[in-house]
Amino acid sequence: MASLSQNKLEQWEISKYWEIFSGLDPVNGLLSGNKAATVLKNSKLSDSQLERVWDLADIDNDGNLDFEEFCVAMRLIFDIINGRQSSVPSSIPEWLIPSSKSHLITANTAISTPLDLDNDDDDFDDSTSRLSNDFDWYISPSDKSNYEAIYNANADRRGNVSFAALAELYSTLNIPETDVRSAWNLINPRAEHSIGKDQTLAFLHILNNRTKNVRVPKKVPASLRATFDKSSTIDYDISKPAATYDSSTPSGRKSAFADSYLDRLGISSFGKPKYSTSGTDFSATKDTDWEEVRLRRQLTELESQLENAQAAADRRKQQVKEQASDSKIALVRSQLEQLYDYKRRQLRRLRAGEAPDGSSSDIDIVGMKKEIELLKQQVDVFEDYCNRKQNELNQLYSEIEREKS
């Protein structure tokens, strides 16, 4: 049994998880299953255990882990490895549930709870017997504006609203919980944890009518149900006149749907919303130690980039030197080859009995032989010189190749 001091995430632990999480290169703050698997499988837990850990940690059921969910997964794994838990629990311990996702847990519990339609309360039976079946799916412009204000105040970052997110609204309506859940299940045919804007507006419209003693309908029109399935936009008809209510009468005040709820949130029915939802409320993520970890990681990346830039600059300098050396060698070689060709041409002319300049005048044979011998010596010297230069050139090429490797 873990002590009470162990039933919380310590700051050092969260910082460690953050360093691991950020090192896996999350995309838009989310880790896919493939990226997270590299760390989770290092725990050496069985695949079945890791699957249960993933199912618990992926609270919003989007197939990815944000940082809060990653912390949940890591703590569950470490508790098993360290012997605090003998196996993966059937549900996330209450102390480990991120505050920003507690409503998802509550909504999942609410949705999975069977509806209790049996009620022995005589007063309740009397009130339901007086309900009207004249439900109208038309949403007036004024009601639509009211519903949108509630939606904007409770939608998460994906634009969805969970069942538990509207819990405070339910408390202001004096509607039986069974009717609230019936309305939710009616507009949520796929039993999702959260619903989109169009479904939310329809859900609020059903609750609004229920406050006016109109019974929750048994089904939605086919066109509207198709809209929910396709997640497309509802075509609200604004040609019909909006209903007006006299707020000075009790019935009129009751018909002003969720006014007290909107006022409590600081939203005016006639002005712009004053309320905006905050992002993830995970207190440890706001700690400065995390910022320090993030900055250290960025600094490491910058240092790596500087090293790469310096290495590239060094390579460019070396290439410039090699190119300059190659150009000098090529020039010397070209000059030597030209001189060598010139001397060989003179030798061929002398052997053919011609003057070195190519003229056909009489030539002193004895003097020519001496000159030929002299030229042969010069040619041999030049050939020897060229061979030595060629060897030096080959050595330079070998050294260049070694430096490149």
Protein backbone atom coordinates (compact mmCIF):
# COMPACT_ATOMS: atom_id res chain seq x y z
CA MET A 1 0.00 0.00 0.00
CA ALA A 2 1.47 3.34 -1.05
CA SER A 3 1.67 6.04 1.57
CA LEU A 4 -0.30 9.24 1.23
CA SER A 5 2.87 11.13 0.33
CA GLN A 6 3.21 8.88 -2.71
CA ASN A 7 -0.30 9.59 -3.93
CA LYS A 8 0.66 12.68 -5.88
CA LEU A 9 2.95 13.75 -8.68
CA GLU A 10 6.06 15.39 -7.29
CA GLN A 11 7.57 18.35 -9.12
CA TRP A 12 10.83 16.52 -9.89
CA GLU A 13 8.78 13.68 -11.31
CA ILE A 14 6.74 15.96 -13.56
CA SER A 15 9.92 17.69 -14.76
CA LYS A 16 11.40 14.31 -15.64
CA TYR A 17 8.28 13.34 -17.57
CA TRP A 18 8.37 16.68 -19.39
CA GLU A 19 11.96 16.13 -20.46
CA ILE A 20 11.07 12.68 -21.81
CA PHE A 21 7.89 13.98 -23.48
CA SER A 22 9.57 16.93 -25.21
CA GLY A 23 12.44 14.69 -26.31
CA LEU A 24 10.00 12.55 -28.31
CA ASP A 25 9.19 15.51 -30.60
CA PRO A 26 5.43 15.81 -30.02
CA VAL A 27 3.38 17.30 -32.87
CA ASN A 28 1.04 20.09 -31.76
CA GLY A 29 1.55 18.94 -28.17
CA LEU A 30 0.50 15.35 -28.90
CA LEU A 31 2.38 12.05 -29.06
CA SER A 32 1.16 9.37 -31.44
CA GLY A 33 1.11 5.74 -30.43
CA ASN A 34 4.25 5.00 -32.44
CA LYS A 35 6.28 7.73 -30.74
CA ALA A 36 5.05 6.94 -27.24
CA ALA A 37 5.63 3.20 -27.74
CA THR A 38 9.41 3.70 -27.81
CA VAL A 39 9.31 4.79 -24.17
CA LEU A 40 6.41 2.70 -22.89
CA LYS A 41 7.92 -0.56 -24.15
CA ASN A 42 11.16 0.16 -22.29
CA SER A 43 9.22 -0.63 -19.12
CA LYS A 44 9.27 -4.34 -20.13
CA LEU A 45 5.60 -4.64 -19.19
CA SER A 46 3.54 -7.05 -21.24
CA ASP A 47 1.68 -5.83 -24.30
CA SER A 48 -1.66 -6.44 -22.60
CA GLN A 49 -0.61 -4.31 -19.62
CA LEU A 50 0.62 -1.51 -21.87
CA GLU A 51 -2.66 -1.62 -23.80
CA ARG A 52 -4.62 -1.16 -20.56
CA VAL A 53 -2.29 1.67 -19.51
CA TRP A 54 -2.85 3.37 -22.87
CA ASP A 55 -6.64 2.97 -22.63
CA LEU A 56 -6.61 4.61 -19.19
CA ALA A 57 -4.17 7.39 -20.11
CA ASP A 58 -5.89 8.36 -23.39
CA ILE A 59 -8.69 10.05 -21.47
CA ASP A 60 -10.13 11.99 -24.42
CA ASN A 61 -9.90 8.87 -26.60
CA ASP A 62 -8.27 10.67 -29.54
CA GLY A 63 -5.57 8.07 -30.16
CA ASN A 64 -2.79 10.38 -28.92
CA LEU A 65 -1.29 11.42 -25.60
CA ASP A 66 -0.93 15.04 -24.58
CA PHE A 67 1.48 15.84 -21.75
CA GLU A 68 -1.08 15.36 -18.96
CA GLU A 69 -2.08 11.96 -20.34
CA PHE A 70 1.60 11.06 -20.80
CA CYS A 71 2.16 11.79 -17.08
CA VAL A 72 -0.72 9.48 -16.22
CA ALA A 73 0.74 6.68 -18.35
CA MET A 74 4.26 7.08 -16.95
CA ARG A 75 3.09 7.15 -13.32
CA LEU A 76 0.93 4.05 -13.79
CA ILE A 77 3.91 2.22 -15.30
CA PHE A 78 6.36 3.34 -12.61
CA ASP A 79 3.95 2.34 -9.84
CA ILE A 80 3.86 -1.20 -11.26
CA ILE A 81 7.63 -1.36 -11.79
CA ASN A 82 8.31 -0.04 -8.26
CA GLY A 83 5.82 -2.45 -6.68
CA ARG A 84 3.30 0.16 -5.58
CA GLN A 85 0.70 -1.53 -7.76
CA SER A 86 0.58 -5.24 -8.51
CA SER A 87 -1.25 -4.69 -11.80
CA VAL A 88 -2.82 -1.99 -13.97
CA PRO A 89 -5.81 -0.54 -12.06
CA SER A 90 -9.28 -0.73 -13.57
CA SER A 91 -9.58 3.06 -13.50
CA ILE A 92 -7.31 6.05 -12.99
CA PRO A 93 -6.81 6.85 -9.31
CA GLU A 94 -8.71 10.01 -8.43
CA TRP A 95 -5.57 11.84 -7.30
CA LEU A 96 -3.91 11.16 -10.69
CA ILE A 97 -6.75 12.52 -12.85
CA PRO A 98 -5.70 15.90 -14.42
CA SER A 99 -8.10 18.62 -13.35
CA SER A 100 -8.68 19.69 -16.95
CA LYS A 101 -9.87 16.20 -17.85
CA SER A 102 -11.95 15.32 -14.82
CA HIS A 103 -15.09 16.28 -16.75
CA LEU A 104 -14.28 13.63 -19.36
CA ILE A 105 -14.10 10.97 -16.68
CA THR A 106 -17.39 12.19 -15.20
CA ALA A 107 -19.04 12.33 -18.62
CA ASN A 108 -17.90 8.81 -19.45
CA THR A 109 -19.33 7.58 -16.15
CA ALA A 110 -22.59 9.47 -16.74
CA ILE A 111 -22.98 8.13 -20.25
CA SER A 112 -22.24 4.56 -19.25
CA THR A 113 -24.69 4.70 -16.32
CA PRO A 114 -28.04 3.13 -17.27
CA LEU A 115 -31.01 5.44 -17.13
CA ASP A 116 -33.30 4.80 -14.17
CA LEU A 117 -36.73 5.44 -15.60
CA ASP A 118 -38.56 4.14 -12.56
CA ASN A 119 -39.61 6.89 -10.17
CA ASP A 120 -42.10 6.43 -7.36
CA ASP A 121 -42.33 10.12 -6.58
CA ASP A 122 -45.99 11.07 -7.01
CA ASP A 123 -45.15 14.73 -7.54
CA PHE A 124 -42.77 13.79 -10.33
CA ASP A 125 -45.36 11.59 -11.98
CA ASP A 126 -47.88 14.41 -11.80
CA SER A 127 -45.45 16.86 -13.37
CA THR A 128 -44.50 14.54 -16.22
CA SER A 129 -48.13 13.82 -16.94
CA ARG A 130 -48.62 17.55 -17.58
CA LEU A 131 -45.81 17.74 -20.15
CA SER A 132 -46.68 18.71 -23.70
CA ASN A 133 -45.66 16.61 -26.68
CA ASP A 134 -45.64 19.64 -28.98
CA PHE A 135 -41.89 19.82 -29.49
CA ASP A 136 -40.64 22.15 -32.25
CA TRP A 137 -37.12 21.66 -33.62
CA TYR A 138 -37.02 25.21 -34.96
CA ILE A 139 -34.38 27.36 -33.20
CA SER A 140 -35.15 31.06 -33.15
CA PRO A 141 -32.31 33.57 -33.69
CA SER A 142 -32.51 34.78 -30.09
CA ASP A 143 -32.37 31.22 -28.74
CA LYS A 144 -29.54 30.36 -31.11
CA SER A 145 -27.52 33.32 -29.84
CA ASN A 146 -28.17 32.19 -26.27
CA TYR A 147 -27.12 28.62 -27.02
CA GLU A 148 -23.96 29.76 -28.81
CA ALA A 149 -22.95 31.80 -25.77
CA ILE A 150 -23.22 28.69 -23.61
CA TYR A 151 -21.34 26.64 -26.21
CA ASN A 152 -18.49 29.16 -26.45
CA ALA A 153 -18.13 29.20 -22.67
CA ASN A 154 -17.79 25.43 -22.37
CA ALA A 155 -16.19 24.16 -25.58
CA ASP A 156 -12.76 22.60 -25.27
CA ARG A 157 -9.81 23.36 -27.55
CA ARG A 158 -11.19 20.98 -30.18
CA GLY A 159 -14.52 22.75 -30.25
CA ASN A 160 -16.37 19.97 -28.42
CA VAL A 161 -18.53 20.00 -25.30
CA SER A 162 -18.66 17.12 -22.82
CA PHE A 163 -21.65 16.08 -20.75
CA ALA A 164 -19.99 17.11 -17.48
CA ALA A 165 -18.94 20.51 -18.81
CA LEU A 166 -22.58 21.66 -18.54
CA ALA A 167 -23.15 20.30 -15.05
CA GLU A 168 -23.55 23.80 -13.60
CA LEU A 169 -26.19 24.56 -16.21
CA TYR A 170 -28.21 21.47 -15.30
CA SER A 171 -28.36 22.64 -11.69
CA THR A 172 -30.09 25.87 -12.76
CA LEU A 173 -32.82 24.21 -14.84
CA ASN A 174 -34.76 22.10 -12.32
CA ILE A 175 -35.02 19.27 -14.86
CA PRO A 176 -34.93 15.58 -13.83
CA GLU A 177 -31.54 14.03 -14.50
CA THR A 178 -33.17 11.26 -16.52
CA ASP A 179 -34.50 13.84 -18.98
CA VAL A 180 -31.09 15.51 -19.24
CA ARG A 181 -29.45 12.20 -20.05
CA SER A 182 -32.23 11.24 -22.46
CA ALA A 183 -31.67 14.50 -24.34
CA TRP A 184 -27.90 13.89 -24.41
CA ASN A 185 -28.25 10.34 -25.74
CA LEU A 186 -30.81 11.50 -28.31
CA ILE A 187 -28.46 13.97 -30.01
CA ASN A 188 -25.39 11.77 -29.45
CA PRO A 189 -26.33 8.59 -31.35
CA ARG A 190 -22.71 7.35 -31.47
CA ALA A 191 -22.25 7.71 -27.70
CA GLU A 192 -19.19 9.96 -28.03
CA HIS A 193 -17.54 11.46 -24.94
CA SER A 194 -18.17 14.94 -26.31
CA ILE A 195 -20.28 16.55 -29.02
CA GLY A 196 -19.77 19.28 -31.61
CA LYS A 197 -21.38 22.67 -31.90
CA ASP A 198 -24.48 21.65 -33.86
CA GLN A 199 -25.26 18.81 -31.48
CA THR A 200 -24.70 21.11 -28.51
CA LEU A 201 -27.16 23.68 -29.84
CA ALA A 202 -29.75 20.95 -30.42
CA PHE A 203 -29.10 19.54 -26.92
CA LEU A 204 -29.58 22.96 -25.33
CA HIS A 205 -32.73 23.48 -27.42
CA ILE A 206 -34.22 20.27 -26.03
CA LEU A 207 -33.37 21.35 -22.46
CA ASN A 208 -34.83 24.79 -23.11
CA ASN A 209 -38.09 23.27 -24.27
CA ARG A 210 -38.10 20.92 -21.29
CA THR A 211 -38.00 23.95 -18.96
CA LYS A 212 -41.18 25.07 -20.75
CA ASN A 213 -42.90 21.77 -19.90
CA VAL A 214 -42.35 20.26 -23.35
CA ARG A 215 -41.47 16.58 -23.23
CA VAL A 216 -38.09 15.40 -24.52
CA PRO A 217 -38.74 14.00 -28.02
CA LYS A 218 -38.29 10.32 -28.68
CA LYS A 219 -36.29 10.79 -31.88
CA VAL A 220 -34.69 13.45 -34.03
CA PRO A 221 -35.67 14.17 -37.62
CA ALA A 222 -33.81 12.12 -40.21
CA SER A 223 -32.22 15.21 -41.76
CA LEU A 224 -30.94 16.39 -38.38
CA ARG A 225 -29.67 12.94 -37.45
CA ALA A 226 -27.75 12.81 -40.73
CA THR A 227 -26.27 16.18 -39.85
CA PHE A 228 -25.00 14.80 -36.54
CA ASP A 229 -23.47 11.77 -38.25
CA LYS A 230 -21.73 13.86 -40.90
CA SER A 231 -20.75 16.61 -38.47
CA SER A 232 -21.98 19.19 -40.99
CA THR A 233 -23.67 22.50 -40.29
CA ILE A 234 -27.33 22.77 -39.32
CA ASP A 235 -29.33 25.06 -41.58
CA TYR A 236 -31.14 27.23 -39.07
CA ASP A 237 -34.24 28.82 -40.53
CA ILE A 238 -34.41 32.44 -39.37
CA SER A 239 -37.51 33.29 -41.39
CA LYS A 240 -39.80 32.37 -38.51
CA PRO A 241 -40.35 35.08 -35.90
CA ALA A 242 -38.53 34.67 -32.63
CA ALA A 243 -40.63 34.00 -29.54
CA THR A 244 -40.60 36.76 -26.94
CA TYR A 245 -41.12 36.39 -23.23
CA ASP A 246 -42.19 38.85 -20.61
CA SER A 247 -39.47 38.70 -17.97
CA SER A 248 -41.76 40.43 -15.51
CA THR A 249 -43.96 37.33 -15.15
CA PRO A 250 -42.94 34.08 -13.44
CA SER A 251 -43.57 32.07 -16.59
CA GLY A 252 -41.59 34.55 -18.66
CA ARG A 253 -38.66 34.39 -16.25
CA LYS A 254 -38.77 30.61 -16.43
CA SER A 255 -38.75 30.78 -20.22
CA ALA A 256 -35.58 32.86 -20.30
CA PHE A 257 -33.40 29.80 -20.68
CA ALA A 258 -30.25 29.66 -18.53
CA ASP A 259 -30.16 33.43 -17.90
CA SER A 260 -28.83 32.92 -14.38
CA TYR A 261 -26.24 30.52 -15.70
CA LEU A 262 -25.01 32.99 -18.31
CA ASP A 263 -24.97 35.82 -15.80
CA ARG A 264 -22.90 33.68 -13.46
CA LEU A 265 -20.38 33.16 -16.26
CA GLY A 266 -20.34 36.86 -17.00
CA ILE A 267 -22.06 36.51 -20.39
CA SER A 268 -24.70 39.03 -21.37
CA SER A 269 -27.54 37.92 -23.64
CA PHE A 270 -27.42 41.33 -25.32
CA GLY A 271 -23.69 41.99 -25.38
CA LYS A 272 -20.49 40.25 -26.23
CA PRO A 273 -19.35 37.35 -24.08
CA LYS A 274 -17.16 38.44 -21.22
CA TYR A 275 -16.07 34.92 -20.40
CA SER A 276 -13.42 32.89 -22.13
CA THR A 277 -12.38 29.42 -21.12
CA SER A 278 -8.81 28.86 -20.07
CA GLY A 279 -6.58 26.22 -21.57
CA THR A 280 -5.26 23.17 -19.83
CA ASP A 281 -5.23 23.68 -16.09
CA PHE A 282 -2.36 21.42 -15.11
CA SER A 283 -0.54 23.34 -12.43
CA ALA A 284 2.79 21.59 -12.81
CA THR A 285 3.02 22.52 -16.49
CA LYS A 286 3.28 26.17 -15.50
CA ASP A 287 6.27 25.66 -13.25
CA THR A 288 9.45 27.53 -14.14
CA ASP A 289 11.51 24.36 -13.91
CA TRP A 290 9.77 23.13 -17.02
CA GLU A 291 10.63 26.33 -18.81
CA GLU A 292 14.24 25.83 -17.81
CA VAL A 293 14.18 22.30 -19.23
CA ARG A 294 12.69 23.59 -22.48
CA LEU A 295 15.30 26.36 -22.72
CA ARG A 296 18.12 23.92 -22.02
CA ARG A 297 16.88 21.71 -24.83
CA GLN A 298 16.68 24.68 -27.20
CA LEU A 299 20.21 25.72 -26.16
CA THR A 300 21.48 22.21 -26.94
CA GLU A 301 19.84 22.37 -30.35
CA LEU A 302 21.40 25.79 -31.03
CA GLU A 303 24.84 24.54 -30.02
CA SER A 304 24.41 21.59 -32.36
CA GLN A 305 23.42 23.92 -35.17
CA LEU A 306 26.48 26.12 -34.50
CA GLU A 307 28.75 23.07 -34.59
CA ASN A 308 27.24 21.98 -37.87
CA ALA A 309 27.64 25.50 -39.32
CA GLN A 310 31.29 25.64 -38.19
CA ALA A 311 31.98 22.23 -39.71
CA ALA A 312 30.39 23.35 -42.98
CA ALA A 313 32.52 26.53 -42.97
CA ASP A 314 35.68 24.46 -42.38
CA ARG A 315 34.77 22.19 -45.27
CA ARG A 316 34.28 25.18 -47.57
CA LYS A 317 37.69 26.60 -46.58
CA GLN A 318 39.34 23.26 -47.27
CA GLN A 319 37.65 23.05 -50.66
CA VAL A 320 38.92 26.54 -51.56
CA LYS A 321 42.49 25.55 -50.59
CA GLU A 322 42.28 22.35 -52.61
CA GLN A 323 40.95 24.20 -55.62
CA ALA A 324 43.79 26.78 -55.40
CA SER A 325 46.38 24.02 -55.07
CA ASP A 326 44.90 22.12 -57.99
CA SER A 327 45.01 25.25 -60.20
CA LYS A 328 48.71 25.88 -59.46
CA ILE A 329 49.64 22.27 -60.15
CA ALA A 330 47.70 22.31 -63.40
CA LEU A 331 49.47 25.50 -64.56
CA VAL A 332 52.97 24.11 -63.88
CA ARG A 333 52.09 20.85 -65.56
CA SER A 334 50.77 22.64 -68.62
CA GLN A 335 53.96 24.71 -68.97
CA LEU A 336 56.20 21.68 -68.63
CA GLU A 337 54.16 19.73 -71.15
CA GLN A 338 54.43 22.59 -73.65
CA LEU A 339 58.22 22.84 -73.18
CA TYR A 340 58.53 19.08 -73.51
CA ASP A 341 56.57 19.08 -76.77
CA TYR A 342 58.66 21.93 -78.13
CA LYS A 343 61.92 20.12 -77.44
CA ARG A 344 60.66 16.88 -78.97
CA ARG A 345 59.68 18.75 -82.13
CA GLN A 346 63.20 20.22 -82.37
CA LEU A 347 64.72 16.76 -81.91
CA ARG A 348 62.57 15.30 -84.68
CA ARG A 349 63.66 18.11 -87.05
CA LEU A 350 67.32 17.57 -86.25
CA ARG A 351 67.06 13.83 -86.86
CA ALA A 352 65.38 14.59 -90.18
CA GLY A 353 68.31 16.84 -91.22
CA GLU A 354 66.38 20.04 -90.77
CA ALA A 355 67.31 23.16 -88.87
CA PRO A 356 65.75 23.47 -85.41
CA ASP A 357 63.68 26.40 -86.69
CA GLY A 358 62.29 24.25 -89.53
CA SER A 359 64.37 25.73 -92.40
CA SER A 360 65.83 23.48 -95.12
CA SER A 361 69.29 25.14 -95.43
CA ASP A 362 72.51 23.11 -95.38
CA ILE A 363 73.47 21.98 -91.94
CA ASP A 364 76.87 21.06 -90.51
CA ILE A 365 76.43 17.37 -89.71
CA VAL A 366 79.14 17.28 -87.04
CA GLY A 367 77.81 20.37 -85.38
CA MET A 368 74.29 19.03 -85.71
CA LYS A 369 75.22 15.77 -84.03
CA LYS A 370 76.66 17.67 -81.14
CA GLU A 371 73.54 19.75 -80.95
CA ILE A 372 71.43 16.61 -81.16
CA GLU A 373 73.34 15.07 -78.28
CA LEU A 374 72.90 18.26 -76.31
CA LEU A 375 69.19 18.31 -77.08
CA LYS A 376 68.87 14.66 -76.10
CA GLN A 377 70.50 15.45 -72.79
CA GLN A 378 68.14 18.37 -72.31
CA VAL A 379 65.17 16.18 -73.21
CA ASP A 380 66.33 13.55 -70.73
CA VAL A 381 66.69 16.21 -68.07
CA PHE A 382 63.20 17.51 -68.81
CA GLU A 383 61.75 14.02 -68.80
CA ASP A 384 63.40 13.34 -65.48
CA TYR A 385 62.06 16.66 -64.20
CA CYS A 386 58.58 15.85 -65.43
CA ASN A 387 58.68 12.43 -63.79
CA ARG A 388 59.71 13.93 -60.46
CA LYS A 389 56.94 16.52 -60.73
CA GLN A 390 54.47 13.82 -61.63
CA ASN A 391 55.47 11.85 -58.52
CA GLU A 392 55.07 14.97 -56.40
CA LEU A 393 51.67 15.56 -57.96
CA ASN A 394 50.61 12.00 -57.20
CA GLN A 395 51.71 12.42 -53.57
CA LEU A 396 49.65 15.61 -53.31
CA TYR A 397 46.61 13.79 -54.66
CA SER A 398 47.14 10.98 -52.13
CA GLU A 399 47.36 13.44 -49.23
CA ILE A 400 44.19 15.21 -50.39
CA GLU A 401 42.31 11.91 -50.55
CA ARG A 402 43.48 10.98 -47.01
CA GLU A 403 42.30 14.34 -45.63
CA LYS A 404 38.92 13.92 -47.29
CA SER A 405 38.45 10.47 -45.76
